[in-house]
Amino acid sequence: MHTWKEKLQAAIHETLQHFTASSPIAVTPTIQAVACLDKIINETLPSHPLEKEDNIFIDHCRITYLLKLGHLYQTKQYNAEARALYDIALNIHKNNTEVEPSTHVCILNNLGAIHLKQKEYQQGLNIYDESLNIYYKNSNIPIEYLGNIFLNQGQIYVRLRKYDEALHHFEKAYDIFIHTQDLKIKFATLSTIMTSMIGICALKEDDIELAARFKLMITLFGAKHPEVANTLNTIGIVQIALKKFDHAQINFKKALDMLDNTHPYALQSIRFLTALKDNEQSTQSPMPAAPTKTLSYCAQTKSEQSEVFENKQVKTKASNATNFKTKAQSAYKKQKKP
């Protein structure tokens, strides 16, 4: 026989599955979404009085529902609806501070991702600063949360054209995710980080640094890995922005040689090679993309995983993660001192 807590979790999961299965996605107004949640809770509550732990559990379920529904809306670009749900989740957390602090970080980071999408860069940086404060005050939050904060901060600095700051934050994210044991998360995130760093090196025309980082990427992924091809495409796109059309063509061809012609990255290579060929036959040069837009475009071709946080625990190598976290906390405290 299922407990009321198990029934509540199952009902929330079923409701979220309904939203996910809708095609096109059913966007429920915020008031209705919250009313639906309240109905689920009221129908599953036990008849006996609730203990303190029960109320904490219910609030955690509320936040989980709001986070997952907000995340679903966010991935479909319904940012206003997602933002409203995250705000409600934040209020619940503020009224019950005993809910896991990692959920607080998740809410803030999802909001930060929306600010990034909506080009509200300073607001995004403020959100991530708040996330850092919470993270460093709580030793039980997985270190990958910190890595994702650094990664998203780096992406904001790219948009602000503060490329040295962006590289600095990407490096800190790399130092965390290189130790992650979950290989799927590790390589998906490292791909995003390294492609971004290599794109910045190409933009700065730092050929030595670019070559060193590209060599490292090949060491990690293998010379024929699709993400290496995607990085070559990124370099090519940046070179178009810099009007280095011959160099760009070479990199697009290298990328194409690694892949089947039906692969999404191969289709991207073909599209740009066609554009370059058309340009050669024209008397006018194409308008190169602005460098910031170019790097933003490259980032958007990657998985949304790097920008949107999900509330799940990720295993890490305990010794490496703990040592890095201790050093990071110490450095942060020193930075905060006047």
C-alpha atoms as a PDB file:
ATOM      1  CA  MET A   1       0.000   0.000   0.000  1.00  0.00           C
ATOM      2  CA  HIS A   2       1.372   3.394  -1.001  1.00  0.00           C
ATOM      3  CA  THR A   3       1.879   6.135   1.572  1.00  0.00           C
ATOM      4  CA  TRP A   4       0.332   9.560   1.020  1.00  0.00           C
ATOM      5  CA  LYS A   5       3.790  10.914   0.213  1.00  0.00           C
ATOM      6  CA  GLU A   6       4.283   8.342  -2.534  1.00  0.00           C
ATOM      7  CA  LYS A   7       0.799   9.089  -3.888  1.00  0.00           C
ATOM      8  CA  LEU A   8       1.585  12.814  -3.933  1.00  0.00           C
ATOM      9  CA  GLN A   9       4.845  12.303  -5.809  1.00  0.00           C
ATOM     10  CA  ALA A  10       3.152   9.963  -8.296  1.00  0.00           C
ATOM     11  CA  ALA A  11       0.307  12.423  -8.915  1.00  0.00           C
ATOM     12  CA  ILE A  12       2.727  15.288  -9.520  1.00  0.00           C
ATOM     13  CA  HIS A  13       4.773  13.125 -11.879  1.00  0.00           C
ATOM     14  CA  GLU A  14       1.648  12.123 -13.814  1.00  0.00           C
ATOM     15  CA  THR A  15       0.531  15.755 -14.122  1.00  0.00           C
ATOM     16  CA  LEU A  16       3.924  16.844 -15.395  1.00  0.00           C
ATOM     17  CA  GLN A  17       3.911  13.963 -17.887  1.00  0.00           C
ATOM     18  CA  HIS A  18       0.593  15.282 -19.207  1.00  0.00           C
ATOM     19  CA  PHE A  19       2.121  18.697 -19.807  1.00  0.00           C
ATOM     20  CA  THR A  20       5.176  17.147 -21.467  1.00  0.00           C
ATOM     21  CA  ALA A  21       3.123  14.891 -23.754  1.00  0.00           C
ATOM     22  CA  SER A  22       0.994  17.751 -25.082  1.00  0.00           C
ATOM     23  CA  SER A  23       1.856  18.684 -28.670  1.00  0.00           C
ATOM     24  CA  PRO A  24       2.051  21.580 -29.043  1.00  0.00           C
ATOM     25  CA  ILE A  25       2.876  22.091 -25.398  1.00  0.00           C
ATOM     26  CA  ALA A  26      -0.115  23.116 -23.302  1.00  0.00           C
ATOM     27  CA  VAL A  27       0.838  26.385 -21.611  1.00  0.00           C
ATOM     28  CA  THR A  28      -1.339  26.721 -18.528  1.00  0.00           C
ATOM     29  CA  PRO A  29      -1.698  30.200 -16.988  1.00  0.00           C
ATOM     30  CA  THR A  30       0.199  30.518 -13.725  1.00  0.00           C
ATOM     31  CA  ILE A  31      -2.927  30.723 -11.547  1.00  0.00           C
ATOM     32  CA  GLN A  32      -4.336  27.529 -13.071  1.00  0.00           C
ATOM     33  CA  ALA A  33      -0.997  25.727 -12.786  1.00  0.00           C
ATOM     34  CA  VAL A  34      -0.808  26.550  -9.070  1.00  0.00           C
ATOM     35  CA  ALA A  35      -4.491  25.662  -8.551  1.00  0.00           C
ATOM     36  CA  CYS A  36      -3.829  22.296 -10.196  1.00  0.00           C
ATOM     37  CA  LEU A  37      -0.956  21.696  -7.780  1.00  0.00           C
ATOM     38  CA  ASP A  38      -3.071  22.690  -4.768  1.00  0.00           C
ATOM     39  CA  LYS A  39      -5.806  20.285  -5.892  1.00  0.00           C
ATOM     40  CA  ILE A  40      -3.295  17.425  -6.134  1.00  0.00           C
ATOM     41  CA  ILE A  41      -1.971  18.151  -2.645  1.00  0.00           C
ATOM     42  CA  ASN A  42      -5.421  18.465  -1.057  1.00  0.00           C
ATOM     43  CA  GLU A  43      -6.556  15.172  -2.572  1.00  0.00           C
ATOM     44  CA  THR A  44      -3.568  13.247  -1.217  1.00  0.00           C
ATOM     45  CA  LEU A  45      -3.102  14.746   2.252  1.00  0.00           C
ATOM     46  CA  PRO A  46      -3.608  12.372   5.190  1.00  0.00           C
ATOM     47  CA  SER A  47      -6.422  12.853   7.691  1.00  0.00           C
ATOM     48  CA  HIS A  48      -4.056  13.096  10.662  1.00  0.00           C
ATOM     49  CA  PRO A  49      -2.352  16.404  11.602  1.00  0.00           C
ATOM     50  CA  LEU A  50       0.840  17.143   9.713  1.00  0.00           C
ATOM     51  CA  GLU A  51       4.242  17.153  11.372  1.00  0.00           C
ATOM     52  CA  LYS A  52       6.936  19.731  10.628  1.00  0.00           C
ATOM     53  CA  GLU A  53       8.747  17.243   8.393  1.00  0.00           C
ATOM     54  CA  ASP A  54       5.523  16.696   6.440  1.00  0.00           C
ATOM     55  CA  ASN A  55       5.210  20.391   5.659  1.00  0.00           C
ATOM     56  CA  ILE A  56       8.841  20.493   4.533  1.00  0.00           C
ATOM     57  CA  PHE A  57       8.139  17.525   2.249  1.00  0.00           C
ATOM     58  CA  ILE A  58       5.047  19.217   0.772  1.00  0.00           C
ATOM     59  CA  ASP A  59       6.958  22.426   0.107  1.00  0.00           C
ATOM     60  CA  HIS A  60       9.710  20.411  -1.551  1.00  0.00           C
ATOM     61  CA  CYS A  61       7.071  18.780  -3.794  1.00  0.00           C
ATOM     62  CA  ARG A  62       5.626  22.180  -4.632  1.00  0.00           C
ATOM     63  CA  ILE A  63       9.039  23.522  -5.622  1.00  0.00           C
ATOM     64  CA  THR A  64       9.820  20.390  -7.649  1.00  0.00           C
ATOM     65  CA  TYR A  65       6.546  20.775  -9.570  1.00  0.00           C
ATOM     66  CA  LEU A  66       7.133  24.476 -10.221  1.00  0.00           C
ATOM     67  CA  LEU A  67      10.761  23.929 -11.216  1.00  0.00           C
ATOM     68  CA  LYS A  68      10.016  21.105 -13.644  1.00  0.00           C
ATOM     69  CA  LEU A  69       7.024  22.833 -15.211  1.00  0.00           C
ATOM     70  CA  GLY A  70       9.015  26.071 -15.434  1.00  0.00           C
ATOM     71  CA  HIS A  71      11.911  24.181 -17.010  1.00  0.00           C
ATOM     72  CA  LEU A  72       9.533  22.660 -19.577  1.00  0.00           C
ATOM     73  CA  TYR A  73       8.165  26.102 -20.483  1.00  0.00           C
ATOM     74  CA  GLN A  74      11.660  27.558 -20.574  1.00  0.00           C
ATOM     75  CA  THR A  75      12.953  24.978 -23.062  1.00  0.00           C
ATOM     76  CA  LYS A  76       9.993  25.872 -25.307  1.00  0.00           C
ATOM     77  CA  GLN A  77      10.783  29.614 -25.017  1.00  0.00           C
ATOM     78  CA  TYR A  78       7.756  30.461 -22.838  1.00  0.00           C
ATOM     79  CA  ASN A  79      10.008  32.532 -20.619  1.00  0.00           C
ATOM     80  CA  ALA A  80       7.379  34.780 -19.030  1.00  0.00           C
ATOM     81  CA  GLU A  81       5.364  31.775 -17.843  1.00  0.00           C
ATOM     82  CA  ALA A  82       8.505  30.026 -16.591  1.00  0.00           C
ATOM     83  CA  ARG A  83       9.629  33.142 -14.770  1.00  0.00           C
ATOM     84  CA  ALA A  84       6.288  33.434 -12.942  1.00  0.00           C
ATOM     85  CA  LEU A  85       6.535  29.827 -11.752  1.00  0.00           C
ATOM     86  CA  TYR A  86      10.114  30.312 -10.554  1.00  0.00           C
ATOM     87  CA  ASP A  87       9.076  33.429  -8.609  1.00  0.00           C
ATOM     88  CA  ILE A  88       6.407  31.430  -6.796  1.00  0.00           C
ATOM     89  CA  ALA A  89       8.953  28.692  -6.042  1.00  0.00           C
ATOM     90  CA  LEU A  90      11.305  31.325  -4.618  1.00  0.00           C
ATOM     91  CA  ASN A  91       8.580  32.625  -2.293  1.00  0.00           C
ATOM     92  CA  ILE A  92       7.860  29.104  -1.048  1.00  0.00           C
ATOM     93  CA  HIS A  93      11.535  28.577  -0.324  1.00  0.00           C
ATOM     94  CA  LYS A  94      11.841  31.883   1.512  1.00  0.00           C
ATOM     95  CA  ASN A  95       8.910  30.881   3.763  1.00  0.00           C
ATOM     96  CA  ASN A  96      10.458  27.493   4.497  1.00  0.00           C
ATOM     97  CA  THR A  97      14.224  27.790   4.641  1.00  0.00           C
ATOM     98  CA  GLU A  98      14.568  24.161   5.726  1.00  0.00           C
ATOM     99  CA  VAL A  99      13.898  22.980   2.189  1.00  0.00           C
ATOM    100  CA  GLU A 100      17.179  21.832   0.632  1.00  0.00           C
ATOM    101  CA  PRO A 101      19.376  24.835  -0.281  1.00  0.00           C
ATOM    102  CA  SER A 102      20.256  23.135  -3.571  1.00  0.00           C
ATOM    103  CA  THR A 103      16.679  23.764  -4.718  1.00  0.00           C
ATOM    104  CA  HIS A 104      17.159  27.472  -3.945  1.00  0.00           C
ATOM    105  CA  VAL A 105      20.236  27.485  -6.168  1.00  0.00           C
ATOM    106  CA  CYS A 106      18.284  25.681  -8.904  1.00  0.00           C
ATOM    107  CA  ILE A 107      15.519  28.290  -8.850  1.00  0.00           C
ATOM    108  CA  LEU A 108      17.982  31.182  -9.027  1.00  0.00           C
ATOM    109  CA  ASN A 109      20.009  29.574 -11.797  1.00  0.00           C
ATOM    110  CA  ASN A 110      16.912  28.955 -13.893  1.00  0.00           C
ATOM    111  CA  LEU A 111      15.978  32.600 -13.451  1.00  0.00           C
ATOM    112  CA  GLY A 112      19.513  33.570 -14.415  1.00  0.00           C
ATOM    113  CA  ALA A 113      19.189  31.551 -17.610  1.00  0.00           C
ATOM    114  CA  ILE A 114      16.028  33.479 -18.499  1.00  0.00           C
ATOM    115  CA  HIS A 115      17.815  36.798 -17.914  1.00  0.00           C
ATOM    116  CA  LEU A 116      20.558  35.541 -20.243  1.00  0.00           C
ATOM    117  CA  LYS A 117      18.010  34.667 -22.940  1.00  0.00           C
ATOM    118  CA  GLN A 118      16.277  38.025 -22.580  1.00  0.00           C
ATOM    119  CA  LYS A 119      19.571  39.951 -22.709  1.00  0.00           C
ATOM    120  CA  GLU A 120      19.150  41.205 -19.146  1.00  0.00           C
ATOM    121  CA  TYR A 121      22.789  40.594 -18.452  1.00  0.00           C
ATOM    122  CA  GLN A 122      23.336  42.570 -15.256  1.00  0.00           C
ATOM    123  CA  GLN A 123      20.263  41.017 -13.674  1.00  0.00           C
ATOM    124  CA  GLY A 124      21.635  37.622 -14.652  1.00  0.00           C
ATOM    125  CA  LEU A 125      25.000  38.359 -13.043  1.00  0.00           C
ATOM    126  CA  ASN A 126      23.232  39.517  -9.878  1.00  0.00           C
ATOM    127  CA  ILE A 127      21.255  36.273  -9.750  1.00  0.00           C
ATOM    128  CA  TYR A 128      24.413  34.184 -10.138  1.00  0.00           C
ATOM    129  CA  ASP A 129      26.158  36.185  -7.403  1.00  0.00           C
ATOM    130  CA  GLU A 130      23.253  35.317  -5.103  1.00  0.00           C
ATOM    131  CA  SER A 131      23.600  31.659  -6.118  1.00  0.00           C
ATOM    132  CA  LEU A 132      27.291  31.769  -5.242  1.00  0.00           C
ATOM    133  CA  ASN A 133      26.514  33.185  -1.797  1.00  0.00           C
ATOM    134  CA  ILE A 134      24.117  30.327  -1.089  1.00  0.00           C
ATOM    135  CA  TYR A 135      26.474  27.730  -2.510  1.00  0.00           C
ATOM    136  CA  TYR A 136      29.459  28.761  -0.392  1.00  0.00           C
ATOM    137  CA  LYS A 137      27.344  28.794   2.772  1.00  0.00           C
ATOM    138  CA  ASN A 138      26.163  25.201   2.274  1.00  0.00           C
ATOM    139  CA  SER A 139      28.648  22.365   2.077  1.00  0.00           C
ATOM    140  CA  ASN A 140      26.131  19.736   0.900  1.00  0.00           C
ATOM    141  CA  ILE A 141      25.324  21.255  -2.528  1.00  0.00           C
ATOM    142  CA  PRO A 142      26.905  19.247  -5.377  1.00  0.00           C
ATOM    143  CA  ILE A 143      29.911  20.986  -6.867  1.00  0.00           C
ATOM    144  CA  GLU A 144      28.438  20.734 -10.386  1.00  0.00           C
ATOM    145  CA  TYR A 145      26.020  23.484  -9.377  1.00  0.00           C
ATOM    146  CA  LEU A 146      29.031  25.746  -8.890  1.00  0.00           C
ATOM    147  CA  GLY A 147      30.429  24.692 -12.258  1.00  0.00           C
ATOM    148  CA  ASN A 148      27.181  25.576 -13.998  1.00  0.00           C
ATOM    149  CA  ILE A 149      27.142  28.984 -12.319  1.00  0.00           C
ATOM    150  CA  PHE A 150      30.637  29.691 -13.655  1.00  0.00           C
ATOM    151  CA  LEU A 151      29.627  28.439 -17.106  1.00  0.00           C
ATOM    152  CA  ASN A 152      26.565  30.682 -17.285  1.00  0.00           C
ATOM    153  CA  GLN A 153      28.529  33.658 -15.973  1.00  0.00           C
ATOM    154  CA  GLY A 154      31.030  33.040 -18.761  1.00  0.00           C
ATOM    155  CA  GLN A 155      28.259  33.071 -21.348  1.00  0.00           C
ATOM    156  CA  ILE A 156      26.994  36.399 -20.026  1.00  0.00           C
ATOM    157  CA  TYR A 157      30.486  37.888 -20.227  1.00  0.00           C
ATOM    158  CA  VAL A 158      30.692  36.735 -23.853  1.00  0.00           C
ATOM    159  CA  ARG A 159      27.526  38.733 -24.576  1.00  0.00           C
ATOM    160  CA  LEU A 160      29.043  41.715 -22.797  1.00  0.00           C
ATOM    161  CA  ARG A 161      32.208  41.298 -24.925  1.00  0.00           C
ATOM    162  CA  LYS A 162      34.299  40.861 -21.793  1.00  0.00           C
ATOM    163  CA  TYR A 163      36.197  37.943 -23.277  1.00  0.00           C
ATOM    164  CA  ASP A 164      38.958  37.699 -20.677  1.00  0.00           C
ATOM    165  CA  GLU A 165      36.327  37.493 -17.920  1.00  0.00           C
ATOM    166  CA  ALA A 166      34.458  34.890 -19.943  1.00  0.00           C
ATOM    167  CA  LEU A 167      37.590  32.765 -20.361  1.00  0.00           C
ATOM    168  CA  HIS A 168      38.325  33.033 -16.648  1.00  0.00           C
ATOM    169  CA  HIS A 169      34.874  31.675 -15.740  1.00  0.00           C
ATOM    170  CA  PHE A 170      34.973  28.972 -18.406  1.00  0.00           C
ATOM    171  CA  GLU A 171      38.314  27.828 -16.970  1.00  0.00           C
ATOM    172  CA  LYS A 172      36.807  27.555 -13.485  1.00  0.00           C
ATOM    173  CA  ALA A 173      33.876  25.567 -14.885  1.00  0.00           C
ATOM    174  CA  TYR A 174      36.307  23.282 -16.737  1.00  0.00           C
ATOM    175  CA  ASP A 175      38.283  22.600 -13.550  1.00  0.00           C
ATOM    176  CA  ILE A 176      35.087  21.308 -11.938  1.00  0.00           C
ATOM    177  CA  PHE A 177      33.539  19.264 -14.743  1.00  0.00           C
ATOM    178  CA  ILE A 178      36.781  17.526 -15.687  1.00  0.00           C
ATOM    179  CA  HIS A 179      36.365  15.558 -12.414  1.00  0.00           C
ATOM    180  CA  THR A 180      32.685  14.664 -12.845  1.00  0.00           C
ATOM    181  CA  GLN A 181      32.015  10.927 -12.830  1.00  0.00           C
ATOM    182  CA  ASP A 182      28.746  11.081 -14.764  1.00  0.00           C
ATOM    183  CA  LEU A 183      30.242  10.768 -18.254  1.00  0.00           C
ATOM    184  CA  LYS A 184      27.149  12.034 -20.077  1.00  0.00           C
ATOM    185  CA  ILE A 185      27.096  15.279 -18.100  1.00  0.00           C
ATOM    186  CA  LYS A 186      30.884  15.516 -18.096  1.00  0.00           C
ATOM    187  CA  PHE A 187      31.410  15.411 -21.843  1.00  0.00           C
ATOM    188  CA  ALA A 188      28.274  17.366 -22.784  1.00  0.00           C
ATOM    189  CA  THR A 189      29.349  20.204 -20.505  1.00  0.00           C
ATOM    190  CA  LEU A 190      33.060  20.042 -21.346  1.00  0.00           C
ATOM    191  CA  SER A 191      32.139  20.232 -25.024  1.00  0.00           C
ATOM    192  CA  THR A 192      30.203  23.452 -24.421  1.00  0.00           C
ATOM    193  CA  ILE A 193      32.986  24.913 -22.265  1.00  0.00           C
ATOM    194  CA  MET A 194      35.829  24.058 -24.625  1.00  0.00           C
ATOM    195  CA  THR A 195      33.984  25.124 -27.768  1.00  0.00           C
ATOM    196  CA  SER A 196      33.257  28.483 -26.118  1.00  0.00           C
ATOM    197  CA  MET A 197      36.890  28.955 -25.040  1.00  0.00           C
ATOM    198  CA  ILE A 198      38.226  27.991 -28.472  1.00  0.00           C
ATOM    199  CA  GLY A 199      35.744  30.349 -30.121  1.00  0.00           C
ATOM    200  CA  ILE A 200      37.028  33.216 -27.966  1.00  0.00           C
ATOM    201  CA  CYS A 201      40.651  32.351 -28.831  1.00  0.00           C
ATOM    202  CA  ALA A 202      39.714  32.424 -32.529  1.00  0.00           C
ATOM    203  CA  LEU A 203      38.004  35.760 -32.065  1.00  0.00           C
ATOM    204  CA  LYS A 204      41.062  37.193 -30.280  1.00  0.00           C
ATOM    205  CA  GLU A 205      43.237  35.723 -33.072  1.00  0.00           C
ATOM    206  CA  ASP A 206      45.380  34.025 -30.451  1.00  0.00           C
ATOM    207  CA  ASP A 207      46.578  31.162 -32.643  1.00  0.00           C
ATOM    208  CA  ILE A 208      48.933  29.668 -30.040  1.00  0.00           C
ATOM    209  CA  GLU A 209      46.286  29.443 -27.342  1.00  0.00           C
ATOM    210  CA  LEU A 210      43.720  28.220 -29.858  1.00  0.00           C
ATOM    211  CA  ALA A 211      46.023  25.404 -30.996  1.00  0.00           C
ATOM    212  CA  ALA A 212      46.736  24.346 -27.402  1.00  0.00           C
ATOM    213  CA  ARG A 213      43.056  24.240 -26.444  1.00  0.00           C
ATOM    214  CA  PHE A 214      42.086  22.444 -29.648  1.00  0.00           C
ATOM    215  CA  LYS A 215      44.782  19.822 -29.005  1.00  0.00           C
ATOM    216  CA  LEU A 216      43.370  19.299 -25.505  1.00  0.00           C
ATOM    217  CA  MET A 217      39.881  18.842 -26.932  1.00  0.00           C
ATOM    218  CA  ILE A 218      41.139  16.169 -29.339  1.00  0.00           C
ATOM    219  CA  THR A 219      42.847  14.415 -26.420  1.00  0.00           C
ATOM    220  CA  LEU A 220      39.578  14.334 -24.466  1.00  0.00           C
ATOM    221  CA  PHE A 221      37.137  13.531 -27.266  1.00  0.00           C
ATOM    222  CA  GLY A 222      39.190  11.901 -30.021  1.00  0.00           C
ATOM    223  CA  ALA A 223      40.206  13.341 -33.396  1.00  0.00           C
ATOM    224  CA  LYS A 224      37.019  12.265 -35.215  1.00  0.00           C
ATOM    225  CA  HIS A 225      34.437  13.058 -32.539  1.00  0.00           C
ATOM    226  CA  PRO A 226      31.391  15.071 -33.742  1.00  0.00           C
ATOM    227  CA  GLU A 227      32.014  17.703 -31.049  1.00  0.00           C
ATOM    228  CA  VAL A 228      35.487  18.292 -32.491  1.00  0.00           C
ATOM    229  CA  ALA A 229      33.807  18.875 -35.859  1.00  0.00           C
ATOM    230  CA  ASN A 230      31.388  21.260 -34.189  1.00  0.00           C
ATOM    231  CA  THR A 231      34.322  23.165 -32.720  1.00  0.00           C
ATOM    232  CA  LEU A 232      35.847  23.468 -36.194  1.00  0.00           C
ATOM    233  CA  ASN A 233      32.533  24.892 -37.361  1.00  0.00           C
ATOM    234  CA  THR A 234      32.669  27.370 -34.490  1.00  0.00           C
ATOM    235  CA  ILE A 235      36.158  28.476 -35.498  1.00  0.00           C
ATOM    236  CA  GLY A 236      34.959  28.829 -39.082  1.00  0.00           C
ATOM    237  CA  ILE A 237      31.974  30.950 -38.074  1.00  0.00           C
ATOM    238  CA  VAL A 238      34.228  33.264 -36.066  1.00  0.00           C
ATOM    239  CA  GLN A 239      36.615  33.499 -39.028  1.00  0.00           C
ATOM    240  CA  ILE A 240      33.721  34.568 -41.252  1.00  0.00           C
ATOM    241  CA  ALA A 241      33.027  37.344 -38.745  1.00  0.00           C
ATOM    242  CA  LEU A 242      36.699  38.331 -39.041  1.00  0.00           C
ATOM    243  CA  LYS A 243      36.467  38.134 -42.874  1.00  0.00           C
ATOM    244  CA  LYS A 244      39.008  35.302 -42.965  1.00  0.00           C
ATOM    245  CA  PHE A 245      36.989  33.455 -45.569  1.00  0.00           C
ATOM    246  CA  ASP A 246      39.766  31.145 -46.820  1.00  0.00           C
ATOM    247  CA  HIS A 247      40.583  29.994 -43.285  1.00  0.00           C
ATOM    248  CA  ALA A 248      36.898  29.483 -42.552  1.00  0.00           C
ATOM    249  CA  GLN A 249      36.475  27.332 -45.652  1.00  0.00           C
ATOM    250  CA  ILE A 250      39.354  25.088 -44.579  1.00  0.00           C
ATOM    251  CA  ASN A 251      37.815  24.496 -41.152  1.00  0.00           C
ATOM    252  CA  PHE A 252      34.327  23.806 -42.519  1.00  0.00           C
ATOM    253  CA  LYS A 253      35.826  21.229 -44.922  1.00  0.00           C
ATOM    254  CA  LYS A 254      37.776  19.585 -42.085  1.00  0.00           C
ATOM    255  CA  ALA A 255      34.567  19.341 -40.060  1.00  0.00           C
ATOM    256  CA  LEU A 256      32.658  17.906 -43.012  1.00  0.00           C
ATOM    257  CA  ASP A 257      35.327  15.243 -43.590  1.00  0.00           C
ATOM    258  CA  MET A 258      34.728  13.896 -40.068  1.00  0.00           C
ATOM    259  CA  LEU A 259      30.989  13.363 -40.401  1.00  0.00           C
ATOM    260  CA  ASP A 260      28.261  11.708 -42.376  1.00  0.00           C
ATOM    261  CA  ASN A 261      26.597  14.314 -44.589  1.00  0.00           C
ATOM    262  CA  THR A 262      23.293  13.877 -42.739  1.00  0.00           C
ATOM    263  CA  HIS A 263      24.743  14.787 -39.335  1.00  0.00           C
ATOM    264  CA  PRO A 264      23.437  18.157 -38.022  1.00  0.00           C
ATOM    265  CA  TYR A 265      26.988  19.495 -37.679  1.00  0.00           C
ATOM    266  CA  ALA A 266      27.747  18.372 -41.255  1.00  0.00           C
ATOM    267  CA  LEU A 267      24.636  20.189 -42.500  1.00  0.00           C
ATOM    268  CA  GLN A 268      25.921  23.300 -40.741  1.00  0.00           C
ATOM    269  CA  SER A 269      29.299  22.925 -42.481  1.00  0.00           C
ATOM    270  CA  ILE A 270      27.599  22.489 -45.858  1.00  0.00           C
ATOM    271  CA  ARG A 271      25.425  25.547 -45.295  1.00  0.00           C
ATOM    272  CA  PHE A 272      28.411  27.780 -44.599  1.00  0.00           C
ATOM    273  CA  LEU A 273      30.511  26.289 -47.391  1.00  0.00           C
ATOM    274  CA  THR A 274      27.654  27.007 -49.803  1.00  0.00           C
ATOM    275  CA  ALA A 275      27.433  30.573 -48.527  1.00  0.00           C
ATOM    276  CA  LEU A 276      31.170  31.050 -48.976  1.00  0.00           C
ATOM    277  CA  LYS A 277      31.012  29.648 -52.512  1.00  0.00           C
ATOM    278  CA  ASP A 278      28.141  31.967 -53.370  1.00  0.00           C
ATOM    279  CA  ASN A 279      30.191  34.830 -51.979  1.00  0.00           C
ATOM    280  CA  GLU A 280      33.119  33.986 -54.246  1.00  0.00           C
ATOM    281  CA  GLN A 281      30.829  34.237 -57.245  1.00  0.00           C
ATOM    282  CA  SER A 282      29.419  37.561 -56.096  1.00  0.00           C
ATOM    283  CA  THR A 283      30.958  40.996 -56.378  1.00  0.00           C
ATOM    284  CA  GLN A 284      29.802  41.837 -52.869  1.00  0.00           C
ATOM    285  CA  SER A 285      31.106  40.386 -49.643  1.00  0.00           C
ATOM    286  CA  PRO A 286      28.548  39.085 -47.157  1.00  0.00           C
ATOM    287  CA  MET A 287      27.960  41.093 -44.031  1.00  0.00           C
ATOM    288  CA  PRO A 288      29.971  39.251 -41.353  1.00  0.00           C
ATOM    289  CA  ALA A 289      28.240  38.514 -38.104  1.00  0.00           C
ATOM    290  CA  ALA A 290      29.196  40.629 -35.125  1.00  0.00           C
ATOM    291  CA  PRO A 291      31.667  38.660 -32.961  1.00  0.00           C
ATOM    292  CA  THR A 292      29.375  38.597 -29.942  1.00  0.00           C
ATOM    293  CA  LYS A 293      26.439  37.376 -32.018  1.00  0.00           C
ATOM    294  CA  THR A 294      28.699  34.800 -33.627  1.00  0.00           C
ATOM    295  CA  LEU A 295      29.731  33.265 -30.296  1.00  0.00           C
ATOM    296  CA  SER A 296      26.144  33.475 -29.042  1.00  0.00           C
ATOM    297  CA  TYR A 297      25.011  31.605 -32.139  1.00  0.00           C
ATOM    298  CA  CYS A 298      27.619  28.909 -31.518  1.00  0.00           C
ATOM    299  CA  ALA A 299      26.446  28.524 -27.949  1.00  0.00           C
ATOM    300  CA  GLN A 300      22.825  28.192 -29.075  1.00  0.00           C
ATOM    301  CA  THR A 301      23.699  25.209 -31.262  1.00  0.00           C
ATOM    302  CA  LYS A 302      24.682  23.352 -28.122  1.00  0.00           C
ATOM    303  CA  SER A 303      22.416  21.586 -25.676  1.00  0.00           C
ATOM    304  CA  GLU A 304      20.239  23.750 -23.439  1.00  0.00           C
ATOM    305  CA  GLN A 305      21.711  21.705 -20.597  1.00  0.00           C
ATOM    306  CA  SER A 306      24.463  24.238 -20.167  1.00  0.00           C
ATOM    307  CA  GLU A 307      22.033  27.085 -19.521  1.00  0.00           C
ATOM    308  CA  VAL A 308      19.120  25.434 -17.755  1.00  0.00           C
ATOM    309  CA  PHE A 309      19.529  23.738 -14.414  1.00  0.00           C
ATOM    310  CA  GLU A 310      17.628  20.651 -13.370  1.00  0.00           C
ATOM    311  CA  ASN A 311      17.226  19.706  -9.721  1.00  0.00           C
ATOM    312  CA  LYS A 312      19.179  16.451  -9.640  1.00  0.00           C
ATOM    313  CA  GLN A 313      22.175  15.226  -7.714  1.00  0.00           C
ATOM    314  CA  VAL A 314      25.312  14.397  -9.715  1.00  0.00           C
ATOM    315  CA  LYS A 315      28.075  12.107  -8.432  1.00  0.00           C
ATOM    316  CA  THR A 316      31.632  13.358  -8.448  1.00  0.00           C
ATOM    317  CA  LYS A 317      35.017  12.056  -7.433  1.00  0.00           C
ATOM    318  CA  ALA A 318      34.756  12.891  -3.763  1.00  0.00           C
ATOM    319  CA  SER A 319      38.398  13.707  -3.112  1.00  0.00           C
ATOM    320  CA  ASN A 320      38.887  16.026  -6.106  1.00  0.00           C
ATOM    321  CA  ALA A 321      35.513  17.717  -5.642  1.00  0.00           C
ATOM    322  CA  THR A 322      35.986  18.278  -1.911  1.00  0.00           C
ATOM    323  CA  ASN A 323      39.499  19.666  -2.331  1.00  0.00           C
ATOM    324  CA  PHE A 324      38.408  22.041  -5.073  1.00  0.00           C
ATOM    325  CA  LYS A 325      35.358  23.167  -3.136  1.00  0.00           C
ATOM    326  CA  THR A 326      37.398  23.887  -0.005  1.00  0.00           C
ATOM    327  CA  LYS A 327      39.845  25.988  -2.025  1.00  0.00           C
ATOM    328  CA  ALA A 328      36.998  27.777  -3.781  1.00  0.00           C
ATOM    329  CA  GLN A 329      35.262  28.615  -0.503  1.00  0.00           C
ATOM    330  CA  SER A 330      38.509  29.941   0.966  1.00  0.00           C
ATOM    331  CA  ALA A 331      39.211  32.100  -2.074  1.00  0.00           C
ATOM    332  CA  TYR A 332      35.656  33.424  -2.081  1.00  0.00           C
ATOM    333  CA  LYS A 333      35.818  34.429   1.589  1.00  0.00           C
ATOM    334  CA  LYS A 334      39.100  36.252   1.017  1.00  0.00           C
ATOM    335  CA  GLN A 335      37.553  38.047  -1.954  1.00  0.00           C
ATOM    336  CA  LYS A 336      34.626  39.210   0.218  1.00  0.00           C
ATOM    337  CA  LYS A 337      36.865  40.739   2.874  1.00  0.00           C
ATOM    338  CA  PRO A 338      37.179  44.567   2.632  1.00  0.00           C
END
